[in-house]
Amino acid sequence: MSLHNIRLEVMLTLEKNIDTFVEKFLITPEKIWQPTDFLPNSQSEKFIDEVKEIRELSKEMDDDFWVVLVGDTITEEALPTYESWLLDVEGISQHSANGGDNGWAKWIRAWTGEENRHGDVLNKYLYLSGRVNMREMEITTQHLISDGFDIGTARDPYKNFVYTSFQELATFVSHNNVAKIARKNGHKLLAKMSKIIAGDEMRHHLAYTEFVRQIFQHDPSEMMLAFQYMMKHKIVMPAMHLRHSFEEKGTLFDQFSVVAQRAGVYTGFDYVDIIRKLNATWEIDKITGLTAEAEKARDYLMKLPDRMYRITERIVIPSTKYEFKWMNPLT
């Protein structure tokens, strides 16, 4: 059987339990939080006073913090890109043999529905804060969706699930750190909001790592090689193509990355720590029955965190003040 057919067979095997995954890792719309749970109620007489409070608190946070929050929001709002990319993965189809979505497509849609709330609530909060040029932010969001992005996985489900396992944990770290900074500065509502978003991301991370864990049980060598491939080529961040109006794609990411590290929201050490956690979660040191090539891949993965940590220690984060159009007054 070809590697392609083996992957499809494994995806079909996992799909048989997709309803269990949905029930365990996702929450129905009626039970999960919604953006209005964290925003001033526009139907309340207290609405204007609550907005004024947000605007006053927002004045205390520096520009680096808001730049990172804008970047995080834009990344969350580029959800149509991620959904269309995942629906194209081998083994996932919107056209099953008996009509309608297959189980994996059902998962993707339900996951997308949960993720959609993150950009929604953050966008509204930024709008109310009065600290952000929303039109410039909206232009960047539209560009990011229309530009699309290539994460280097092709249609391979193994590589894609490594990517989502990594990326969901990265967004957990980012939102969780935003919550800590907001709380430290008395921004309790933003802290609570970011913390619960981080909780969603962790739940999604646990789901995707479970998919990979089960693939390791069915096809250990190829799963190990896929994991190594993704780590060797490095994880491409969803914000890679960030750009301002009238600029080429990708012109903002390096500056945004520096600001995120400087603000302590997402650093090179976080990247290394995620690799270490994935190694431990999937217990790759205990997996048996590997081919010689997969054994070499495991050896590479086991040594990678320490090697990358030493490299990260030598990186100097510049203190350069960058100009982001998102932070300019609307003219």
C-alpha atoms as a PDB file:
ATOM      1  CA  MET A   1       0.000   0.000   0.000  1.00  0.00           C
ATOM      2  CA  SER A   2       1.355   3.464  -0.898  1.00  0.00           C
ATOM      3  CA  LEU A   3       2.134   6.077   1.768  1.00  0.00           C
ATOM      4  CA  HIS A   4      -0.746   8.146   0.391  1.00  0.00           C
ATOM      5  CA  ASN A   5      -3.216   5.297   0.830  1.00  0.00           C
ATOM      6  CA  ILE A   6      -1.902   4.469   4.302  1.00  0.00           C
ATOM      7  CA  ARG A   7      -2.496   8.060   5.395  1.00  0.00           C
ATOM      8  CA  LEU A   8      -6.039   7.971   4.042  1.00  0.00           C
ATOM      9  CA  GLU A   9      -6.658   4.665   5.828  1.00  0.00           C
ATOM     10  CA  VAL A  10      -5.420   6.130   9.134  1.00  0.00           C
ATOM     11  CA  MET A  11      -7.580   9.240   8.675  1.00  0.00           C
ATOM     12  CA  LEU A  12     -10.584   7.012   7.975  1.00  0.00           C
ATOM     13  CA  THR A  13      -9.861   5.000  11.126  1.00  0.00           C
ATOM     14  CA  LEU A  14      -9.665   8.127  13.285  1.00  0.00           C
ATOM     15  CA  GLU A  15     -12.768   9.557  11.627  1.00  0.00           C
ATOM     16  CA  LYS A  16     -14.873   6.736  13.065  1.00  0.00           C
ATOM     17  CA  ASN A  17     -14.453   8.376  16.488  1.00  0.00           C
ATOM     18  CA  ILE A  18     -14.861  11.972  15.344  1.00  0.00           C
ATOM     19  CA  ASP A  19     -18.123  12.464  17.263  1.00  0.00           C
ATOM     20  CA  THR A  20     -16.283  11.467  20.432  1.00  0.00           C
ATOM     21  CA  PHE A  21     -13.575  14.046  19.677  1.00  0.00           C
ATOM     22  CA  VAL A  22     -16.188  16.744  19.077  1.00  0.00           C
ATOM     23  CA  GLU A  23     -17.977  15.965  22.347  1.00  0.00           C
ATOM     24  CA  LYS A  24     -14.731  15.784  24.350  1.00  0.00           C
ATOM     25  CA  PHE A  25     -12.844  18.790  22.991  1.00  0.00           C
ATOM     26  CA  LEU A  26     -15.474  21.217  21.673  1.00  0.00           C
ATOM     27  CA  ILE A  27     -18.431  22.945  23.343  1.00  0.00           C
ATOM     28  CA  THR A  28     -21.860  23.679  21.874  1.00  0.00           C
ATOM     29  CA  PRO A  29     -22.688  27.335  21.032  1.00  0.00           C
ATOM     30  CA  GLU A  30     -25.367  27.467  23.730  1.00  0.00           C
ATOM     31  CA  LYS A  31     -22.956  26.386  26.479  1.00  0.00           C
ATOM     32  CA  ILE A  32     -19.706  28.095  25.530  1.00  0.00           C
ATOM     33  CA  TRP A  33     -18.942  31.771  26.211  1.00  0.00           C
ATOM     34  CA  GLN A  34     -19.860  34.346  23.588  1.00  0.00           C
ATOM     35  CA  PRO A  35     -18.170  37.725  22.916  1.00  0.00           C
ATOM     36  CA  THR A  36     -21.007  39.738  24.460  1.00  0.00           C
ATOM     37  CA  ASP A  37     -20.317  38.003  27.785  1.00  0.00           C
ATOM     38  CA  PHE A  38     -17.151  40.129  28.051  1.00  0.00           C
ATOM     39  CA  LEU A  39     -18.190  43.379  26.399  1.00  0.00           C
ATOM     40  CA  PRO A  40     -20.293  46.310  27.607  1.00  0.00           C
ATOM     41  CA  ASN A  41     -23.959  45.623  26.908  1.00  0.00           C
ATOM     42  CA  SER A  42     -25.083  48.117  24.265  1.00  0.00           C
ATOM     43  CA  GLN A  43     -28.683  47.714  25.501  1.00  0.00           C
ATOM     44  CA  SER A  44     -27.744  48.770  29.028  1.00  0.00           C
ATOM     45  CA  GLU A  45     -27.959  52.305  30.412  1.00  0.00           C
ATOM     46  CA  LYS A  46     -24.448  51.745  31.799  1.00  0.00           C
ATOM     47  CA  PHE A  47     -23.011  51.126  28.329  1.00  0.00           C
ATOM     48  CA  ILE A  48     -21.404  54.565  27.827  1.00  0.00           C
ATOM     49  CA  ASP A  49     -19.892  54.564  31.321  1.00  0.00           C
ATOM     50  CA  GLU A  50     -18.420  51.092  30.773  1.00  0.00           C
ATOM     51  CA  VAL A  51     -16.916  52.155  27.446  1.00  0.00           C
ATOM     52  CA  LYS A  52     -15.386  55.229  29.109  1.00  0.00           C
ATOM     53  CA  GLU A  53     -13.783  52.977  31.716  1.00  0.00           C
ATOM     54  CA  ILE A  54     -12.237  50.800  29.016  1.00  0.00           C
ATOM     55  CA  ARG A  55     -10.883  53.879  27.218  1.00  0.00           C
ATOM     56  CA  GLU A  56      -9.335  55.267  30.403  1.00  0.00           C
ATOM     57  CA  LEU A  57      -7.681  51.970  31.310  1.00  0.00           C
ATOM     58  CA  SER A  58      -6.409  51.576  27.759  1.00  0.00           C
ATOM     59  CA  LYS A  59      -4.445  54.822  27.965  1.00  0.00           C
ATOM     60  CA  GLU A  60      -2.145  53.220  30.537  1.00  0.00           C
ATOM     61  CA  MET A  61      -0.923  50.427  28.249  1.00  0.00           C
ATOM     62  CA  ASP A  62       2.099  51.156  26.021  1.00  0.00           C
ATOM     63  CA  ASP A  63       2.140  50.920  22.234  1.00  0.00           C
ATOM     64  CA  ASP A  64       4.093  47.638  22.178  1.00  0.00           C
ATOM     65  CA  PHE A  65       1.252  45.954  24.039  1.00  0.00           C
ATOM     66  CA  TRP A  66      -1.392  47.259  21.639  1.00  0.00           C
ATOM     67  CA  VAL A  67       0.660  46.336  18.574  1.00  0.00           C
ATOM     68  CA  VAL A  68       0.864  42.748  19.795  1.00  0.00           C
ATOM     69  CA  LEU A  69      -2.844  42.655  20.631  1.00  0.00           C
ATOM     70  CA  VAL A  70      -3.679  43.993  17.167  1.00  0.00           C
ATOM     71  CA  GLY A  71      -1.427  41.378  15.546  1.00  0.00           C
ATOM     72  CA  ASP A  72      -3.020  38.614  17.618  1.00  0.00           C
ATOM     73  CA  THR A  73      -6.488  39.855  16.660  1.00  0.00           C
ATOM     74  CA  ILE A  74      -5.670  40.029  12.955  1.00  0.00           C
ATOM     75  CA  THR A  75      -4.258  36.502  13.121  1.00  0.00           C
ATOM     76  CA  GLU A  76      -7.458  35.267  14.748  1.00  0.00           C
ATOM     77  CA  GLU A  77      -9.599  37.077  12.186  1.00  0.00           C
ATOM     78  CA  ALA A  78      -7.808  35.425   9.254  1.00  0.00           C
ATOM     79  CA  LEU A  79      -9.837  32.322  10.099  1.00  0.00           C
ATOM     80  CA  PRO A  80     -11.310  31.835   6.593  1.00  0.00           C
ATOM     81  CA  THR A  81      -7.757  31.109   5.385  1.00  0.00           C
ATOM     82  CA  TYR A  82      -7.221  28.401   7.986  1.00  0.00           C
ATOM     83  CA  GLU A  83     -10.590  26.766   7.408  1.00  0.00           C
ATOM     84  CA  SER A  84     -10.143  26.582   3.634  1.00  0.00           C
ATOM     85  CA  TRP A  85      -6.621  25.204   4.068  1.00  0.00           C
ATOM     86  CA  LEU A  86      -7.710  22.472   6.509  1.00  0.00           C
ATOM     87  CA  LEU A  87     -10.687  21.467   4.372  1.00  0.00           C
ATOM     88  CA  ASP A  88      -8.200  20.697   1.587  1.00  0.00           C
ATOM     89  CA  VAL A  89      -6.155  18.222   3.654  1.00  0.00           C
ATOM     90  CA  GLU A  90      -6.177  14.624   2.429  1.00  0.00           C
ATOM     91  CA  GLY A  91      -8.838  12.617   4.245  1.00  0.00           C
ATOM     92  CA  ILE A  92     -10.988  15.695   4.914  1.00  0.00           C
ATOM     93  CA  SER A  93     -13.862  16.251   2.520  1.00  0.00           C
ATOM     94  CA  GLN A  94     -16.998  18.331   2.204  1.00  0.00           C
ATOM     95  CA  HIS A  95     -18.399  15.616  -0.051  1.00  0.00           C
ATOM     96  CA  SER A  96     -18.783  12.240   1.641  1.00  0.00           C
ATOM     97  CA  ALA A  97     -19.930   9.084  -0.132  1.00  0.00           C
ATOM     98  CA  ASN A  98     -23.438   9.359   1.312  1.00  0.00           C
ATOM     99  CA  GLY A  99     -23.711  13.114   0.851  1.00  0.00           C
ATOM    100  CA  GLY A 100     -22.709  16.057   3.042  1.00  0.00           C
ATOM    101  CA  ASP A 101     -19.532  16.579   5.063  1.00  0.00           C
ATOM    102  CA  ASN A 102     -17.436  13.687   6.238  1.00  0.00           C
ATOM    103  CA  GLY A 103     -16.580  13.480   9.928  1.00  0.00           C
ATOM    104  CA  TRP A 104     -13.363  15.444   9.614  1.00  0.00           C
ATOM    105  CA  ALA A 105     -15.131  18.314   7.842  1.00  0.00           C
ATOM    106  CA  LYS A 106     -17.634  18.322  10.705  1.00  0.00           C
ATOM    107  CA  TRP A 107     -14.717  18.744  13.126  1.00  0.00           C
ATOM    108  CA  ILE A 108     -13.160  21.578  11.081  1.00  0.00           C
ATOM    109  CA  ARG A 109     -16.437  23.509  10.937  1.00  0.00           C
ATOM    110  CA  ALA A 110     -17.114  23.130  14.651  1.00  0.00           C
ATOM    111  CA  TRP A 111     -13.505  24.104  15.470  1.00  0.00           C
ATOM    112  CA  THR A 112     -13.800  27.125  13.173  1.00  0.00           C
ATOM    113  CA  GLY A 113     -17.014  28.171  14.910  1.00  0.00           C
ATOM    114  CA  GLU A 114     -15.231  28.230  18.264  1.00  0.00           C
ATOM    115  CA  GLU A 115     -12.160  30.024  16.924  1.00  0.00           C
ATOM    116  CA  ASN A 116     -14.302  32.673  15.217  1.00  0.00           C
ATOM    117  CA  ARG A 117     -15.327  34.118  18.593  1.00  0.00           C
ATOM    118  CA  HIS A 118     -11.740  35.059  19.445  1.00  0.00           C
ATOM    119  CA  GLY A 119     -11.251  37.579  16.659  1.00  0.00           C
ATOM    120  CA  ASP A 120     -14.800  38.821  17.171  1.00  0.00           C
ATOM    121  CA  VAL A 121     -14.416  39.733  20.842  1.00  0.00           C
ATOM    122  CA  LEU A 122     -10.885  41.150  20.452  1.00  0.00           C
ATOM    123  CA  ASN A 123     -11.891  43.278  17.466  1.00  0.00           C
ATOM    124  CA  LYS A 124     -14.798  44.821  19.352  1.00  0.00           C
ATOM    125  CA  TYR A 125     -12.615  45.446  22.382  1.00  0.00           C
ATOM    126  CA  LEU A 126      -9.935  47.170  20.313  1.00  0.00           C
ATOM    127  CA  TYR A 127     -12.632  49.302  18.706  1.00  0.00           C
ATOM    128  CA  LEU A 128     -13.919  50.407  22.117  1.00  0.00           C
ATOM    129  CA  SER A 129     -10.418  51.051  23.504  1.00  0.00           C
ATOM    130  CA  GLY A 130      -9.835  54.080  21.290  1.00  0.00           C
ATOM    131  CA  ARG A 131      -6.137  53.173  20.986  1.00  0.00           C
ATOM    132  CA  VAL A 132      -6.140  51.658  17.513  1.00  0.00           C
ATOM    133  CA  ASN A 133      -6.586  52.913  13.956  1.00  0.00           C
ATOM    134  CA  MET A 134      -9.239  50.360  13.111  1.00  0.00           C
ATOM    135  CA  ARG A 135      -9.310  51.085   9.373  1.00  0.00           C
ATOM    136  CA  GLU A 136      -5.609  50.295   9.015  1.00  0.00           C
ATOM    137  CA  MET A 137      -6.084  47.168  11.093  1.00  0.00           C
ATOM    138  CA  GLU A 138      -9.011  46.104   8.903  1.00  0.00           C
ATOM    139  CA  ILE A 139      -6.935  46.606   5.751  1.00  0.00           C
ATOM    140  CA  THR A 140      -4.187  44.384   7.187  1.00  0.00           C
ATOM    141  CA  THR A 141      -6.760  41.721   8.046  1.00  0.00           C
ATOM    142  CA  GLN A 142      -8.203  41.762   4.549  1.00  0.00           C
ATOM    143  CA  HIS A 143      -4.727  41.469   3.052  1.00  0.00           C
ATOM    144  CA  LEU A 144      -3.819  38.553   5.331  1.00  0.00           C
ATOM    145  CA  ILE A 145      -6.927  36.621   4.294  1.00  0.00           C
ATOM    146  CA  SER A 146      -6.582  37.344   0.580  1.00  0.00           C
ATOM    147  CA  ASP A 147      -2.824  36.668   0.529  1.00  0.00           C
ATOM    148  CA  GLY A 148      -3.240  33.216   2.059  1.00  0.00           C
ATOM    149  CA  PHE A 149      -0.189  31.371   3.343  1.00  0.00           C
ATOM    150  CA  ASP A 150       1.839  28.241   2.723  1.00  0.00           C
ATOM    151  CA  ILE A 151       2.717  26.416   5.921  1.00  0.00           C
ATOM    152  CA  GLY A 152       4.818  23.819   4.135  1.00  0.00           C
ATOM    153  CA  THR A 153       2.543  20.869   4.830  1.00  0.00           C
ATOM    154  CA  ALA A 154       1.002  20.398   1.375  1.00  0.00           C
ATOM    155  CA  ARG A 155      -2.132  18.244   1.877  1.00  0.00           C
ATOM    156  CA  ASP A 156      -0.423  15.818   4.286  1.00  0.00           C
ATOM    157  CA  PRO A 157      -2.671  15.277   7.361  1.00  0.00           C
ATOM    158  CA  TYR A 158       0.273  14.168   9.531  1.00  0.00           C
ATOM    159  CA  LYS A 159       2.216  17.383   8.915  1.00  0.00           C
ATOM    160  CA  ASN A 160      -0.911  19.497   9.227  1.00  0.00           C
ATOM    161  CA  PHE A 161      -1.773  18.034  12.627  1.00  0.00           C
ATOM    162  CA  VAL A 162       1.775  18.683  13.832  1.00  0.00           C
ATOM    163  CA  TYR A 163       1.283  22.270  12.711  1.00  0.00           C
ATOM    164  CA  THR A 164      -2.056  22.714  14.477  1.00  0.00           C
ATOM    165  CA  SER A 165      -0.730  21.028  17.633  1.00  0.00           C
ATOM    166  CA  PHE A 166       2.144  23.513  17.695  1.00  0.00           C
ATOM    167  CA  GLN A 167       0.161  26.570  16.663  1.00  0.00           C
ATOM    168  CA  GLU A 168      -2.680  26.073  19.141  1.00  0.00           C
ATOM    169  CA  LEU A 169      -0.149  25.881  21.965  1.00  0.00           C
ATOM    170  CA  ALA A 170       1.624  28.986  20.632  1.00  0.00           C
ATOM    171  CA  THR A 171      -1.622  30.963  20.642  1.00  0.00           C
ATOM    172  CA  PHE A 172      -2.342  29.712  24.165  1.00  0.00           C
ATOM    173  CA  VAL A 173       1.024  31.103  25.277  1.00  0.00           C
ATOM    174  CA  SER A 174       0.432  34.412  23.518  1.00  0.00           C
ATOM    175  CA  HIS A 175      -3.088  35.028  24.859  1.00  0.00           C
ATOM    176  CA  ASN A 176      -2.111  33.817  28.320  1.00  0.00           C
ATOM    177  CA  ASN A 177       0.798  36.264  28.466  1.00  0.00           C
ATOM    178  CA  VAL A 178      -1.448  39.101  27.269  1.00  0.00           C
ATOM    179  CA  ALA A 179      -3.785  38.211  30.154  1.00  0.00           C
ATOM    180  CA  LYS A 180      -0.911  38.419  32.658  1.00  0.00           C
ATOM    181  CA  ILE A 181       0.238  41.819  31.378  1.00  0.00           C
ATOM    182  CA  ALA A 182      -3.310  43.196  31.323  1.00  0.00           C
ATOM    183  CA  ARG A 183      -4.002  41.979  34.860  1.00  0.00           C
ATOM    184  CA  LYS A 184      -0.737  43.468  36.117  1.00  0.00           C
ATOM    185  CA  ASN A 185      -1.839  46.838  34.717  1.00  0.00           C
ATOM    186  CA  GLY A 186      -5.337  46.718  36.212  1.00  0.00           C
ATOM    187  CA  HIS A 187      -7.050  45.839  32.928  1.00  0.00           C
ATOM    188  CA  LYS A 188      -9.202  43.123  34.532  1.00  0.00           C
ATOM    189  CA  LEU A 189     -11.778  42.711  31.757  1.00  0.00           C
ATOM    190  CA  LEU A 190      -9.135  42.316  29.038  1.00  0.00           C
ATOM    191  CA  ALA A 191      -7.224  39.931  31.298  1.00  0.00           C
ATOM    192  CA  LYS A 192     -10.297  37.767  31.837  1.00  0.00           C
ATOM    193  CA  MET A 193     -11.122  37.801  28.127  1.00  0.00           C
ATOM    194  CA  SER A 194      -7.593  36.838  27.065  1.00  0.00           C
ATOM    195  CA  LYS A 195      -7.413  34.133  29.720  1.00  0.00           C
ATOM    196  CA  ILE A 196     -10.586  32.423  28.515  1.00  0.00           C
ATOM    197  CA  ILE A 197      -9.423  32.647  24.882  1.00  0.00           C
ATOM    198  CA  ALA A 198      -6.191  30.976  25.997  1.00  0.00           C
ATOM    199  CA  GLY A 199      -8.318  28.250  27.584  1.00  0.00           C
ATOM    200  CA  ASP A 200     -10.000  27.578  24.241  1.00  0.00           C
ATOM    201  CA  GLU A 201      -6.618  27.368  22.521  1.00  0.00           C
ATOM    202  CA  MET A 202      -5.343  24.865  25.077  1.00  0.00           C
ATOM    203  CA  ARG A 203      -8.428  22.700  24.592  1.00  0.00           C
ATOM    204  CA  HIS A 204      -7.886  22.744  20.836  1.00  0.00           C
ATOM    205  CA  HIS A 205      -4.206  21.974  21.339  1.00  0.00           C
ATOM    206  CA  LEU A 206      -5.132  18.913  23.383  1.00  0.00           C
ATOM    207  CA  ALA A 207      -7.433  17.743  20.584  1.00  0.00           C
ATOM    208  CA  TYR A 208      -4.835  18.016  17.837  1.00  0.00           C
ATOM    209  CA  THR A 209      -2.141  16.391  19.973  1.00  0.00           C
ATOM    210  CA  GLU A 210      -4.562  13.515  20.572  1.00  0.00           C
ATOM    211  CA  PHE A 211      -4.992  13.109  16.807  1.00  0.00           C
ATOM    212  CA  VAL A 212      -1.204  12.885  16.426  1.00  0.00           C
ATOM    213  CA  ARG A 213      -0.907  10.491  19.372  1.00  0.00           C
ATOM    214  CA  GLN A 214      -3.345   8.130  17.720  1.00  0.00           C
ATOM    215  CA  ILE A 215      -1.575   8.408  14.367  1.00  0.00           C
ATOM    216  CA  PHE A 216       1.653   7.401  16.128  1.00  0.00           C
ATOM    217  CA  GLN A 217      -0.143   4.212  17.205  1.00  0.00           C
ATOM    218  CA  HIS A 218      -1.149   3.345  13.630  1.00  0.00           C
ATOM    219  CA  ASP A 219       1.788   4.638  11.575  1.00  0.00           C
ATOM    220  CA  PRO A 220       4.692   5.496  13.927  1.00  0.00           C
ATOM    221  CA  SER A 221       7.563   5.837  11.455  1.00  0.00           C
ATOM    222  CA  GLU A 222       5.776   8.115   8.999  1.00  0.00           C
ATOM    223  CA  MET A 223       4.344  10.200  11.838  1.00  0.00           C
ATOM    224  CA  MET A 224       7.841  10.631  13.292  1.00  0.00           C
ATOM    225  CA  LEU A 225       9.206  11.678   9.903  1.00  0.00           C
ATOM    226  CA  ALA A 226       6.375  14.190   9.484  1.00  0.00           C
ATOM    227  CA  PHE A 227       7.104  15.633  12.941  1.00  0.00           C
ATOM    228  CA  GLN A 228      10.796  15.945  12.127  1.00  0.00           C
ATOM    229  CA  TYR A 229      10.031  17.566   8.774  1.00  0.00           C
ATOM    230  CA  MET A 230       7.901  20.271  10.394  1.00  0.00           C
ATOM    231  CA  MET A 231      10.459  21.031  13.105  1.00  0.00           C
ATOM    232  CA  LYS A 232      13.382  21.012  10.666  1.00  0.00           C
ATOM    233  CA  HIS A 233      11.685  23.505   8.373  1.00  0.00           C
ATOM    234  CA  LYS A 234      10.346  25.509  11.346  1.00  0.00           C
ATOM    235  CA  ILE A 235       6.745  26.462  11.982  1.00  0.00           C
ATOM    236  CA  VAL A 236       5.530  29.285   9.748  1.00  0.00           C
ATOM    237  CA  MET A 237       3.503  31.690  11.840  1.00  0.00           C
ATOM    238  CA  PRO A 238       0.016  32.664  10.536  1.00  0.00           C
ATOM    239  CA  ALA A 239       1.063  36.314  10.802  1.00  0.00           C
ATOM    240  CA  MET A 240       3.995  35.782   8.383  1.00  0.00           C
ATOM    241  CA  HIS A 241       2.383  37.909   5.641  1.00  0.00           C
ATOM    242  CA  LEU A 242       1.337  40.876   7.801  1.00  0.00           C
ATOM    243  CA  ARG A 243       1.460  44.157   5.913  1.00  0.00           C
ATOM    244  CA  HIS A 244       0.244  47.742   6.064  1.00  0.00           C
ATOM    245  CA  SER A 245      -1.858  49.394   3.391  1.00  0.00           C
ATOM    246  CA  PHE A 246       0.023  49.961   0.117  1.00  0.00           C
ATOM    247  CA  GLU A 247       2.876  47.634   1.149  1.00  0.00           C
ATOM    248  CA  GLU A 248       4.142  44.262  -0.047  1.00  0.00           C
ATOM    249  CA  LYS A 249       3.107  41.178   1.912  1.00  0.00           C
ATOM    250  CA  GLY A 250       5.400  40.049   4.694  1.00  0.00           C
ATOM    251  CA  THR A 251       6.904  43.481   5.307  1.00  0.00           C
ATOM    252  CA  LEU A 252       5.653  43.705   8.904  1.00  0.00           C
ATOM    253  CA  PHE A 253       6.281  40.285  10.388  1.00  0.00           C
ATOM    254  CA  ASP A 254       9.899  40.766  11.498  1.00  0.00           C
ATOM    255  CA  GLN A 255       9.049  44.014  13.261  1.00  0.00           C
ATOM    256  CA  PHE A 256       5.926  42.519  14.810  1.00  0.00           C
ATOM    257  CA  SER A 257       7.946  39.516  16.021  1.00  0.00           C
ATOM    258  CA  VAL A 258      10.478  41.804  17.715  1.00  0.00           C
ATOM    259  CA  VAL A 259       7.717  43.738  19.476  1.00  0.00           C
ATOM    260  CA  ALA A 260       6.033  40.488  20.626  1.00  0.00           C
ATOM    261  CA  GLN A 261       9.311  39.290  22.117  1.00  0.00           C
ATOM    262  CA  ARG A 262      10.081  42.665  23.666  1.00  0.00           C
ATOM    263  CA  ALA A 263       6.625  42.767  25.271  1.00  0.00           C
ATOM    264  CA  GLY A 264       7.123  39.236  26.610  1.00  0.00           C
ATOM    265  CA  VAL A 265       4.038  37.917  24.803  1.00  0.00           C
ATOM    266  CA  TYR A 266       5.715  35.340  22.554  1.00  0.00           C
ATOM    267  CA  THR A 267       9.467  34.744  22.533  1.00  0.00           C
ATOM    268  CA  GLY A 268      12.037  32.428  21.020  1.00  0.00           C
ATOM    269  CA  PHE A 269      12.158  30.591  24.329  1.00  0.00           C
ATOM    270  CA  ASP A 270       8.420  29.920  24.046  1.00  0.00           C
ATOM    271  CA  TYR A 271       9.042  28.352  20.625  1.00  0.00           C
ATOM    272  CA  VAL A 272      11.697  26.048  22.086  1.00  0.00           C
ATOM    273  CA  ASP A 273       9.507  25.162  25.049  1.00  0.00           C
ATOM    274  CA  ILE A 274       6.670  24.119  22.734  1.00  0.00           C
ATOM    275  CA  ILE A 275       8.958  21.673  20.914  1.00  0.00           C
ATOM    276  CA  ARG A 276      10.036  20.246  24.265  1.00  0.00           C
ATOM    277  CA  LYS A 277       6.406  19.864  25.342  1.00  0.00           C
ATOM    278  CA  LEU A 278       5.376  18.138  22.116  1.00  0.00           C
ATOM    279  CA  ASN A 279       8.240  15.661  22.493  1.00  0.00           C
ATOM    280  CA  ALA A 280       7.041  14.889  26.018  1.00  0.00           C
ATOM    281  CA  THR A 281       3.324  14.815  25.155  1.00  0.00           C
ATOM    282  CA  TRP A 282       3.807  12.285  22.379  1.00  0.00           C
ATOM    283  CA  GLU A 283       6.448  10.415  24.420  1.00  0.00           C
ATOM    284  CA  ILE A 284       8.544  10.032  21.301  1.00  0.00           C
ATOM    285  CA  ASP A 285      11.372   8.508  23.340  1.00  0.00           C
ATOM    286  CA  LYS A 286       9.145   5.485  24.071  1.00  0.00           C
ATOM    287  CA  ILE A 287       7.772   4.796  20.590  1.00  0.00           C
ATOM    288  CA  THR A 288       8.807   1.407  19.229  1.00  0.00           C
ATOM    289  CA  GLY A 289       8.911  -0.295  15.840  1.00  0.00           C
ATOM    290  CA  LEU A 290      10.495   2.613  13.986  1.00  0.00           C
ATOM    291  CA  THR A 291      12.392   2.305  10.716  1.00  0.00           C
ATOM    292  CA  ALA A 292      16.071   3.292  10.653  1.00  0.00           C
ATOM    293  CA  GLU A 293      15.133   6.610   9.026  1.00  0.00           C
ATOM    294  CA  ALA A 294      12.491   7.318  11.678  1.00  0.00           C
ATOM    295  CA  GLU A 295      15.003   6.465  14.437  1.00  0.00           C
ATOM    296  CA  LYS A 296      17.299   9.177  13.048  1.00  0.00           C
ATOM    297  CA  ALA A 297      14.333  11.548  12.979  1.00  0.00           C
ATOM    298  CA  ARG A 298      13.590  10.826  16.644  1.00  0.00           C
ATOM    299  CA  ASP A 299      17.236  11.430  17.559  1.00  0.00           C
ATOM    300  CA  TYR A 300      17.080  14.798  15.796  1.00  0.00           C
ATOM    301  CA  LEU A 301      13.862  15.747  17.620  1.00  0.00           C
ATOM    302  CA  MET A 302      15.181  14.734  21.036  1.00  0.00           C
ATOM    303  CA  LYS A 303      18.282  16.921  20.637  1.00  0.00           C
ATOM    304  CA  LEU A 304      16.509  19.858  18.978  1.00  0.00           C
ATOM    305  CA  PRO A 305      15.173  21.764  22.035  1.00  0.00           C
ATOM    306  CA  ASP A 306      18.573  22.061  23.746  1.00  0.00           C
ATOM    307  CA  ARG A 307      20.255  23.050  20.491  1.00  0.00           C
ATOM    308  CA  MET A 308      17.653  25.710  19.750  1.00  0.00           C
ATOM    309  CA  TYR A 309      17.747  26.974  23.342  1.00  0.00           C
ATOM    310  CA  ARG A 310      21.488  27.672  23.029  1.00  0.00           C
ATOM    311  CA  ILE A 311      20.880  29.573  19.786  1.00  0.00           C
ATOM    312  CA  THR A 312      17.997  31.554  21.294  1.00  0.00           C
ATOM    313  CA  GLU A 313      20.143  32.607  24.266  1.00  0.00           C
ATOM    314  CA  ARG A 314      22.461  34.449  21.873  1.00  0.00           C
ATOM    315  CA  ILE A 315      19.702  36.450  20.192  1.00  0.00           C
ATOM    316  CA  VAL A 316      19.610  40.149  21.094  1.00  0.00           C
ATOM    317  CA  ILE A 317      16.171  41.782  20.883  1.00  0.00           C
ATOM    318  CA  PRO A 318      16.473  45.333  19.493  1.00  0.00           C
ATOM    319  CA  SER A 319      14.890  48.262  21.312  1.00  0.00           C
ATOM    320  CA  THR A 320      14.033  49.986  18.029  1.00  0.00           C
ATOM    321  CA  LYS A 321      10.787  51.949  18.000  1.00  0.00           C
ATOM    322  CA  TYR A 322       8.831  50.791  14.943  1.00  0.00           C
ATOM    323  CA  GLU A 323       6.061  52.725  13.285  1.00  0.00           C
ATOM    324  CA  PHE A 324       2.844  50.751  12.867  1.00  0.00           C
ATOM    325  CA  LYS A 325      -0.022  52.349  10.976  1.00  0.00           C
ATOM    326  CA  TRP A 326      -2.393  50.534  13.342  1.00  0.00           C
ATOM    327  CA  MET A 327      -1.274  52.936  16.070  1.00  0.00           C
ATOM    328  CA  ASN A 328      -1.574  56.137  14.007  1.00  0.00           C
ATOM    329  CA  PRO A 329      -4.536  58.487  14.514  1.00  0.00           C
ATOM    330  CA  LEU A 330      -7.214  58.133  11.853  1.00  0.00           C
ATOM    331  CA  THR A 331      -6.769  60.983   9.376  1.00  0.00           C
END
